[in-house]
């Protein structure tokens, strides 16, 4: 009598694997579509970038101020070393952690607060869909990332078609300031400034401003004529003027 138990188990396993494949393919298509919409908001050129496996997450990492090579290392370690029994599942947390770092920065540029990262960790495809089709606008002018000065995590790569994020680098240092008490070196002895070229004439001095005319003097007041002297009375005759008899 033929043993059909083994054949039935393989059939069930094949059906289960088929549905897993369909689920994975649908998740890949939806995630790539959502990433394409997010890339459009960020100004990434070339829609094909969202449809290349692993590379699309490297571009996503660049938009989140995370080095794309960190994202590649995380995915590579999860795929290659994730088959180790017992500890392999821990390595699958590496791309989740790297993606959460990038999603936090991308969310800030799409006006999403920090708690939105929890949604990304729990149901990442929902996070992608919301940010792909909501009314948020891409604004890269956010505070620098905490790892902006870290040579390993910070994004320093430049890819054609992928906008460089101004918040990816650290704040540039202030200009050089000489130490206190610094004196510039004196010119050498006998130094003469260069002579002007031959035929050079200095610009003429502009004429002095015209002086305002002197104010006219008021006319002198006429002198008052002297008052005439009073006539003197006639002098009296000398002697006795009584007629003599």
C-alpha atoms as a PDB file:
ATOM      1  CA  UNK A   1       0.000   0.000   0.000  1.00  0.00           C
ATOM      2  CA  UNK A   2       1.403   3.353  -1.006  1.00  0.00           C
ATOM      3  CA  UNK A   3       2.235   5.850   1.694  1.00  0.00           C
ATOM      4  CA  UNK A   4       0.459   9.097   0.887  1.00  0.00           C
ATOM      5  CA  UNK A   5       1.349  10.882   4.125  1.00  0.00           C
ATOM      6  CA  UNK A   6       4.672  12.135   2.788  1.00  0.00           C
ATOM      7  CA  UNK A   7       3.194  13.330  -0.496  1.00  0.00           C
ATOM      8  CA  UNK A   8       0.433  15.173   1.346  1.00  0.00           C
ATOM      9  CA  UNK A   9       2.938  16.944   3.562  1.00  0.00           C
ATOM     10  CA  UNK A  10       4.940  18.089   0.570  1.00  0.00           C
ATOM     11  CA  UNK A  11       1.787  19.326  -1.117  1.00  0.00           C
ATOM     12  CA  UNK A  12       0.805  21.353   1.929  1.00  0.00           C
ATOM     13  CA  UNK A  13       4.322  22.754   2.158  1.00  0.00           C
ATOM     14  CA  UNK A  14       4.254  23.713  -1.524  1.00  0.00           C
ATOM     15  CA  UNK A  15       0.927  25.506  -1.154  1.00  0.00           C
ATOM     16  CA  UNK A  16       2.188  27.326   1.922  1.00  0.00           C
ATOM     17  CA  UNK A  17       5.362  28.353   0.101  1.00  0.00           C
ATOM     18  CA  UNK A  18       3.327  29.621  -2.842  1.00  0.00           C
ATOM     19  CA  UNK A  19       1.256  31.889  -0.619  1.00  0.00           C
ATOM     20  CA  UNK A  20       4.381  33.126   1.134  1.00  0.00           C
ATOM     21  CA  UNK A  21       5.856  33.966  -2.255  1.00  0.00           C
ATOM     22  CA  UNK A  22       2.713  35.848  -3.261  1.00  0.00           C
ATOM     23  CA  UNK A  23       2.733  37.770   0.016  1.00  0.00           C
ATOM     24  CA  UNK A  24       6.424  38.654  -0.366  1.00  0.00           C
ATOM     25  CA  UNK A  25       5.932  39.739  -3.987  1.00  0.00           C
ATOM     26  CA  UNK A  26       2.966  41.929  -3.052  1.00  0.00           C
ATOM     27  CA  UNK A  27       4.921  43.486  -0.177  1.00  0.00           C
ATOM     28  CA  UNK A  28       7.855  44.166  -2.507  1.00  0.00           C
ATOM     29  CA  UNK A  29       5.640  45.814  -5.139  1.00  0.00           C
ATOM     30  CA  UNK A  30       3.807  47.991  -2.611  1.00  0.00           C
ATOM     31  CA  UNK A  31       6.992  48.998  -0.791  1.00  0.00           C
ATOM     32  CA  UNK A  32       8.745  49.895  -4.049  1.00  0.00           C
ATOM     33  CA  UNK A  33       5.737  51.890  -5.200  1.00  0.00           C
ATOM     34  CA  UNK A  34       5.573  53.805  -1.927  1.00  0.00           C
ATOM     35  CA  UNK A  35       9.323  54.442  -2.027  1.00  0.00           C
ATOM     36  CA  UNK A  36       8.982  55.790  -5.562  1.00  0.00           C
ATOM     37  CA  UNK A  37       6.439  58.339  -4.331  1.00  0.00           C
ATOM     38  CA  UNK A  38       8.670  59.339  -1.408  1.00  0.00           C
ATOM     39  CA  UNK A  39      11.647  59.666  -3.755  1.00  0.00           C
ATOM     40  CA  UNK A  40       9.571  61.952  -5.979  1.00  0.00           C
ATOM     41  CA  UNK A  41       8.868  64.209  -3.008  1.00  0.00           C
ATOM     42  CA  UNK A  42      12.577  64.330  -2.185  1.00  0.00           C
ATOM     43  CA  UNK A  43      13.544  65.208  -5.763  1.00  0.00           C
ATOM     44  CA  UNK A  44      15.306  61.925  -6.601  1.00  0.00           C
ATOM     45  CA  UNK A  45      15.772  61.523 -10.344  1.00  0.00           C
ATOM     46  CA  UNK A  46      14.925  58.168 -11.880  1.00  0.00           C
ATOM     47  CA  UNK A  47      11.909  56.182 -10.732  1.00  0.00           C
ATOM     48  CA  UNK A  48      13.813  52.943 -11.339  1.00  0.00           C
ATOM     49  CA  UNK A  49      15.821  53.502  -8.151  1.00  0.00           C
ATOM     50  CA  UNK A  50      12.801  52.536  -6.056  1.00  0.00           C
ATOM     51  CA  UNK A  51      12.432  49.156  -7.793  1.00  0.00           C
ATOM     52  CA  UNK A  52      15.959  47.762  -7.360  1.00  0.00           C
ATOM     53  CA  UNK A  53      16.097  45.534  -4.255  1.00  0.00           C
ATOM     54  CA  UNK A  54      18.504  46.654  -1.519  1.00  0.00           C
ATOM     55  CA  UNK A  55      19.614  49.635  -3.626  1.00  0.00           C
ATOM     56  CA  UNK A  56      16.278  51.334  -2.983  1.00  0.00           C
ATOM     57  CA  UNK A  57      16.925  51.115   0.761  1.00  0.00           C
ATOM     58  CA  UNK A  58      20.416  52.517   0.220  1.00  0.00           C
ATOM     59  CA  UNK A  59      18.862  55.566  -1.453  1.00  0.00           C
ATOM     60  CA  UNK A  60      16.344  55.735   1.389  1.00  0.00           C
ATOM     61  CA  UNK A  61      19.256  55.748   3.820  1.00  0.00           C
ATOM     62  CA  UNK A  62      20.896  58.660   1.986  1.00  0.00           C
ATOM     63  CA  UNK A  63      17.690  60.665   2.230  1.00  0.00           C
ATOM     64  CA  UNK A  64      17.726  59.903   5.959  1.00  0.00           C
ATOM     65  CA  UNK A  65      21.303  61.199   6.401  1.00  0.00           C
ATOM     66  CA  UNK A  66      22.583  57.643   6.898  1.00  0.00           C
ATOM     67  CA  UNK A  67      25.476  56.272   4.884  1.00  0.00           C
ATOM     68  CA  UNK A  68      24.165  53.918   2.190  1.00  0.00           C
ATOM     69  CA  UNK A  69      27.055  51.574   2.949  1.00  0.00           C
ATOM     70  CA  UNK A  70      25.742  51.135   6.491  1.00  0.00           C
ATOM     71  CA  UNK A  71      22.429  50.074   4.997  1.00  0.00           C
ATOM     72  CA  UNK A  72      24.199  47.689   2.609  1.00  0.00           C
ATOM     73  CA  UNK A  73      26.226  46.129   5.431  1.00  0.00           C
ATOM     74  CA  UNK A  74      23.078  45.668   7.519  1.00  0.00           C
ATOM     75  CA  UNK A  75      21.212  43.910   4.707  1.00  0.00           C
ATOM     76  CA  UNK A  76      24.233  41.859   3.708  1.00  0.00           C
ATOM     77  CA  UNK A  77      24.790  40.630   7.250  1.00  0.00           C
ATOM     78  CA  UNK A  78      21.119  39.723   7.601  1.00  0.00           C
ATOM     79  CA  UNK A  79      21.003  37.798   4.317  1.00  0.00           C
ATOM     80  CA  UNK A  80      24.366  36.033   4.513  1.00  0.00           C
ATOM     81  CA  UNK A  81      24.735  35.437   8.243  1.00  0.00           C
ATOM     82  CA  UNK A  82      21.058  35.186   9.080  1.00  0.00           C
ATOM     83  CA  UNK A  83      21.148  31.433   8.405  1.00  0.00           C
ATOM     84  CA  UNK A  84      23.233  30.765  11.491  1.00  0.00           C
ATOM     85  CA  UNK A  85      21.082  28.671  13.866  1.00  0.00           C
ATOM     86  CA  UNK A  86      20.201  30.295  17.143  1.00  0.00           C
ATOM     87  CA  UNK A  87      21.593  33.779  16.503  1.00  0.00           C
ATOM     88  CA  UNK A  88      20.695  34.344  12.874  1.00  0.00           C
ATOM     89  CA  UNK A  89      17.413  36.024  13.718  1.00  0.00           C
ATOM     90  CA  UNK A  90      19.285  38.690  15.684  1.00  0.00           C
ATOM     91  CA  UNK A  91      21.125  39.745  12.533  1.00  0.00           C
ATOM     92  CA  UNK A  92      17.793  40.380  10.828  1.00  0.00           C
ATOM     93  CA  UNK A  93      17.322  43.209  13.316  1.00  0.00           C
ATOM     94  CA  UNK A  94      20.246  45.118  11.761  1.00  0.00           C
ATOM     95  CA  UNK A  95      18.359  46.338   8.654  1.00  0.00           C
ATOM     96  CA  UNK A  96      15.378  47.126  10.872  1.00  0.00           C
ATOM     97  CA  UNK A  97      17.544  49.300  13.130  1.00  0.00           C
ATOM     98  CA  UNK A  98      19.287  51.001  10.197  1.00  0.00           C
ATOM     99  CA  UNK A  99      15.946  51.577   8.503  1.00  0.00           C
ATOM    100  CA  UNK A 100      14.507  53.071  11.681  1.00  0.00           C
ATOM    101  CA  UNK A 101      17.384  55.560  11.854  1.00  0.00           C
ATOM    102  CA  UNK A 102      16.789  56.631   8.263  1.00  0.00           C
ATOM    103  CA  UNK A 103      12.995  56.647   8.707  1.00  0.00           C
ATOM    104  CA  UNK A 104      13.303  58.993  11.675  1.00  0.00           C
ATOM    105  CA  UNK A 105      15.227  61.522   9.583  1.00  0.00           C
ATOM    106  CA  UNK A 106      13.013  61.120   6.528  1.00  0.00           C
ATOM    107  CA  UNK A 107       9.952  61.535   8.738  1.00  0.00           C
ATOM    108  CA  UNK A 108      11.275  64.810  10.134  1.00  0.00           C
ATOM    109  CA  UNK A 109      11.718  66.111   6.596  1.00  0.00           C
ATOM    110  CA  UNK A 110       8.123  65.109   5.861  1.00  0.00           C
ATOM    111  CA  UNK A 111       6.779  66.840   9.006  1.00  0.00           C
ATOM    112  CA  UNK A 112       6.464  63.627  11.040  1.00  0.00           C
ATOM    113  CA  UNK A 113       7.390  63.620  14.709  1.00  0.00           C
ATOM    114  CA  UNK A 114       9.648  61.071  16.359  1.00  0.00           C
ATOM    115  CA  UNK A 115       6.827  58.721  17.562  1.00  0.00           C
ATOM    116  CA  UNK A 116       6.149  57.848  13.929  1.00  0.00           C
ATOM    117  CA  UNK A 117       9.283  55.684  14.032  1.00  0.00           C
ATOM    118  CA  UNK A 118       7.338  53.207  16.186  1.00  0.00           C
ATOM    119  CA  UNK A 119       4.881  52.715  13.326  1.00  0.00           C
ATOM    120  CA  UNK A 120       7.801  52.102  10.968  1.00  0.00           C
ATOM    121  CA  UNK A 121       9.255  49.404  13.217  1.00  0.00           C
ATOM    122  CA  UNK A 122       5.919  47.648  13.750  1.00  0.00           C
ATOM    123  CA  UNK A 123       4.278  48.031  10.329  1.00  0.00           C
ATOM    124  CA  UNK A 124       6.813  49.549   7.964  1.00  0.00           C
ATOM    125  CA  UNK A 125       4.690  49.243   4.836  1.00  0.00           C
ATOM    126  CA  UNK A 126       1.965  51.374   6.442  1.00  0.00           C
ATOM    127  CA  UNK A 127       4.549  54.033   7.290  1.00  0.00           C
ATOM    128  CA  UNK A 128       5.718  54.078   3.672  1.00  0.00           C
ATOM    129  CA  UNK A 129       2.162  54.369   2.381  1.00  0.00           C
ATOM    130  CA  UNK A 130       1.212  57.278   4.638  1.00  0.00           C
ATOM    131  CA  UNK A 131       4.308  59.296   3.775  1.00  0.00           C
ATOM    132  CA  UNK A 132       3.920  58.499   0.087  1.00  0.00           C
ATOM    133  CA  UNK A 133       0.383  59.809  -0.328  1.00  0.00           C
ATOM    134  CA  UNK A 134      -0.217  62.401   2.380  1.00  0.00           C
ATOM    135  CA  UNK A 135       0.036  66.156   1.768  1.00  0.00           C
ATOM    136  CA  UNK A 136       3.432  66.578   3.403  1.00  0.00           C
ATOM    137  CA  UNK A 137       6.174  68.492   1.587  1.00  0.00           C
ATOM    138  CA  UNK A 138       9.834  67.612   1.562  1.00  0.00           C
ATOM    139  CA  UNK A 139      11.881  69.995   3.703  1.00  0.00           C
ATOM    140  CA  UNK A 140      15.531  68.982   4.155  1.00  0.00           C
ATOM    141  CA  UNK A 141      16.318  71.988   6.367  1.00  0.00           C
ATOM    142  CA  UNK A 142      16.186  70.198   9.703  1.00  0.00           C
ATOM    143  CA  UNK A 143      18.704  69.960  12.522  1.00  0.00           C
ATOM    144  CA  UNK A 144      21.778  67.820  11.787  1.00  0.00           C
ATOM    145  CA  UNK A 145      21.573  64.156  12.703  1.00  0.00           C
ATOM    146  CA  UNK A 146      23.144  63.069  16.009  1.00  0.00           C
ATOM    147  CA  UNK A 147      25.581  60.914  14.028  1.00  0.00           C
ATOM    148  CA  UNK A 148      26.502  63.727  11.614  1.00  0.00           C
ATOM    149  CA  UNK A 149      30.075  63.819  12.924  1.00  0.00           C
ATOM    150  CA  UNK A 150      30.502  60.039  12.937  1.00  0.00           C
ATOM    151  CA  UNK A 151      32.651  58.894  10.036  1.00  0.00           C
ATOM    152  CA  UNK A 152      30.906  55.508   9.841  1.00  0.00           C
ATOM    153  CA  UNK A 153      27.218  56.431  10.039  1.00  0.00           C
ATOM    154  CA  UNK A 154      27.187  59.901   8.462  1.00  0.00           C
ATOM    155  CA  UNK A 155      26.446  60.144   4.752  1.00  0.00           C
ATOM    156  CA  UNK A 156      29.406  61.468   2.767  1.00  0.00           C
ATOM    157  CA  UNK A 157      28.618  59.884  -0.597  1.00  0.00           C
ATOM    158  CA  UNK A 158      27.404  61.813  -3.629  1.00  0.00           C
ATOM    159  CA  UNK A 159      25.294  60.007  -6.218  1.00  0.00           C
ATOM    160  CA  UNK A 160      24.101  61.629  -9.418  1.00  0.00           C
ATOM    161  CA  UNK A 161      20.348  62.044  -9.348  1.00  0.00           C
ATOM    162  CA  UNK A 162      20.079  61.822  -5.561  1.00  0.00           C
ATOM    163  CA  UNK A 163      19.939  65.254  -3.881  1.00  0.00           C
ATOM    164  CA  UNK A 164      22.600  65.911  -1.276  1.00  0.00           C
ATOM    165  CA  UNK A 165      20.918  66.544   2.037  1.00  0.00           C
ATOM    166  CA  UNK A 166      22.140  69.728   3.765  1.00  0.00           C
ATOM    167  CA  UNK A 167      21.499  68.192   7.184  1.00  0.00           C
ATOM    168  CA  UNK A 168      23.713  65.176   6.479  1.00  0.00           C
ATOM    169  CA  UNK A 169      26.920  66.914   7.529  1.00  0.00           C
ATOM    170  CA  UNK A 170      27.861  68.619  10.725  1.00  0.00           C
ATOM    171  CA  UNK A 171      27.608  72.335  11.195  1.00  0.00           C
ATOM    172  CA  UNK A 172      30.716  73.873   9.570  1.00  0.00           C
ATOM    173  CA  UNK A 173      33.229  75.240  12.064  1.00  0.00           C
ATOM    174  CA  UNK A 174      33.630  78.940  12.531  1.00  0.00           C
ATOM    175  CA  UNK A 175      36.313  80.791  10.599  1.00  0.00           C
ATOM    176  CA  UNK A 176      39.887  80.762  11.840  1.00  0.00           C
ATOM    177  CA  UNK A 177      40.579  83.197  14.613  1.00  0.00           C
ATOM    178  CA  UNK A 178      44.180  84.120  15.479  1.00  0.00           C
ATOM    179  CA  UNK A 179      45.239  83.457  19.077  1.00  0.00           C
ATOM    180  CA  UNK A 180      45.057  86.203  21.639  1.00  0.00           C
ATOM    181  CA  UNK A 181      47.948  88.625  21.478  1.00  0.00           C
ATOM    182  CA  UNK A 182      48.811  87.728  17.906  1.00  0.00           C
ATOM    183  CA  UNK A 183      50.481  90.537  15.973  1.00  0.00           C
ATOM    184  CA  UNK A 184      50.791  90.435  12.194  1.00  0.00           C
ATOM    185  CA  UNK A 185      54.415  90.404  11.008  1.00  0.00           C
ATOM    186  CA  UNK A 186      55.938  93.803  10.330  1.00  0.00           C
ATOM    187  CA  UNK A 187      56.962  94.618   6.740  1.00  0.00           C
ATOM    188  CA  UNK A 188      60.695  94.244   6.001  1.00  0.00           C
ATOM    189  CA  UNK A 189      62.992  97.200   6.595  1.00  0.00           C
ATOM    190  CA  UNK A 190      63.238  99.591   3.701  1.00  0.00           C
ATOM    191  CA  UNK A 191      59.961  98.502   2.246  1.00  0.00           C
ATOM    192  CA  UNK A 192      58.456 101.089  -0.044  1.00  0.00           C
ATOM    193  CA  UNK A 193      54.936 100.890  -1.353  1.00  0.00           C
ATOM    194  CA  UNK A 194      54.774 100.476  -5.117  1.00  0.00           C
ATOM    195  CA  UNK A 195      54.871 103.716  -7.086  1.00  0.00           C
ATOM    196  CA  UNK A 196      51.817 104.646  -9.129  1.00  0.00           C
ATOM    197  CA  UNK A 197      52.102 104.025 -12.874  1.00  0.00           C
ATOM    198  CA  UNK A 198      53.602 106.704 -15.106  1.00  0.00           C
ATOM    199  CA  UNK A 199      51.194 109.359 -16.213  1.00  0.00           C
ATOM    200  CA  UNK A 200      48.915 108.750 -13.300  1.00  0.00           C
ATOM    201  CA  UNK A 201      47.293 111.915 -12.081  1.00  0.00           C
ATOM    202  CA  UNK A 202      45.479 111.971  -8.805  1.00  0.00           C
ATOM    203  CA  UNK A 203      41.918 113.127  -9.082  1.00  0.00           C
ATOM    204  CA  UNK A 204      41.518 116.870  -8.870  1.00  0.00           C
ATOM    205  CA  UNK A 205      40.390 118.241  -5.587  1.00  0.00           C
ATOM    206  CA  UNK A 206      36.809 119.378  -5.919  1.00  0.00           C
ATOM    207  CA  UNK A 207      36.397 123.156  -5.588  1.00  0.00           C
ATOM    208  CA  UNK A 208      35.552 124.478  -2.227  1.00  0.00           C
ATOM    209  CA  UNK A 209      31.962 125.172  -1.617  1.00  0.00           C
ATOM    210  CA  UNK A 210      30.915 128.727  -2.456  1.00  0.00           C
ATOM    211  CA  UNK A 211      30.620 131.029   0.484  1.00  0.00           C
ATOM    212  CA  UNK A 212      27.222 132.616   0.957  1.00  0.00           C
ATOM    213  CA  UNK A 213      27.164 136.384   0.215  1.00  0.00           C
ATOM    214  CA  UNK A 214      27.599 138.682   3.153  1.00  0.00           C
ATOM    215  CA  UNK A 215      24.380 140.005   4.525  1.00  0.00           C
ATOM    216  CA  UNK A 216      23.817 143.735   3.666  1.00  0.00           C
ATOM    217  CA  UNK A 217      24.420 146.268   6.377  1.00  0.00           C
ATOM    218  CA  UNK A 218      21.399 148.349   7.398  1.00  0.00           C
ATOM    219  CA  UNK A 219      21.647 152.070   6.378  1.00  0.00           C
ATOM    220  CA  UNK A 220      22.969 154.433   8.993  1.00  0.00           C
ATOM    221  CA  UNK A 221      20.306 156.468  10.751  1.00  0.00           C
ATOM    222  CA  UNK A 222      20.400 160.271   9.870  1.00  0.00           C
ATOM    223  CA  UNK A 223      21.895 162.555  12.465  1.00  0.00           C
ATOM    224  CA  UNK A 224      19.472 164.755  14.363  1.00  0.00           C
ATOM    225  CA  UNK A 225      20.130 168.526  13.558  1.00  0.00           C
ATOM    226  CA  UNK A 226      21.296 170.605  16.471  1.00  0.00           C
ATOM    227  CA  UNK A 227      18.606 172.813  18.043  1.00  0.00           C
ATOM    228  CA  UNK A 228      19.100 176.612  17.379  1.00  0.00           C
ATOM    229  CA  UNK A 229      20.339 178.682  20.247  1.00  0.00           C
ATOM    230  CA  UNK A 230      17.814 181.003  21.982  1.00  0.00           C
ATOM    231  CA  UNK A 231      18.249 184.759  21.073  1.00  0.00           C
ATOM    232  CA  UNK A 232      19.862 186.814  23.776  1.00  0.00           C
ATOM    233  CA  UNK A 233      17.999 189.944  25.084  1.00  0.00           C
ATOM    234  CA  UNK A 234      19.444 193.339  23.972  1.00  0.00           C
ATOM    235  CA  UNK A 235      21.971 194.830  26.312  1.00  0.00           C
ATOM    236  CA  UNK A 236      20.841 197.775  28.537  1.00  0.00           C
ATOM    237  CA  UNK A 237      22.200 201.307  27.667  1.00  0.00           C
ATOM    238  CA  UNK A 238      24.938 202.570  29.894  1.00  0.00           C
ATOM    239  CA  UNK A 239      24.262 205.650  32.146  1.00  0.00           C
ATOM    240  CA  UNK A 240      21.007 207.346  33.077  1.00  0.00           C
ATOM    241  CA  UNK A 241      18.726 207.828  30.141  1.00  0.00           C
ATOM    242  CA  UNK A 242      16.431 210.238  32.083  1.00  0.00           C
ATOM    243  CA  UNK A 243      16.019 213.411  30.047  1.00  0.00           C
ATOM    244  CA  UNK A 244      17.537 216.378  31.579  1.00  0.00           C
ATOM    245  CA  UNK A 245      15.446 219.642  32.062  1.00  0.00           C
END
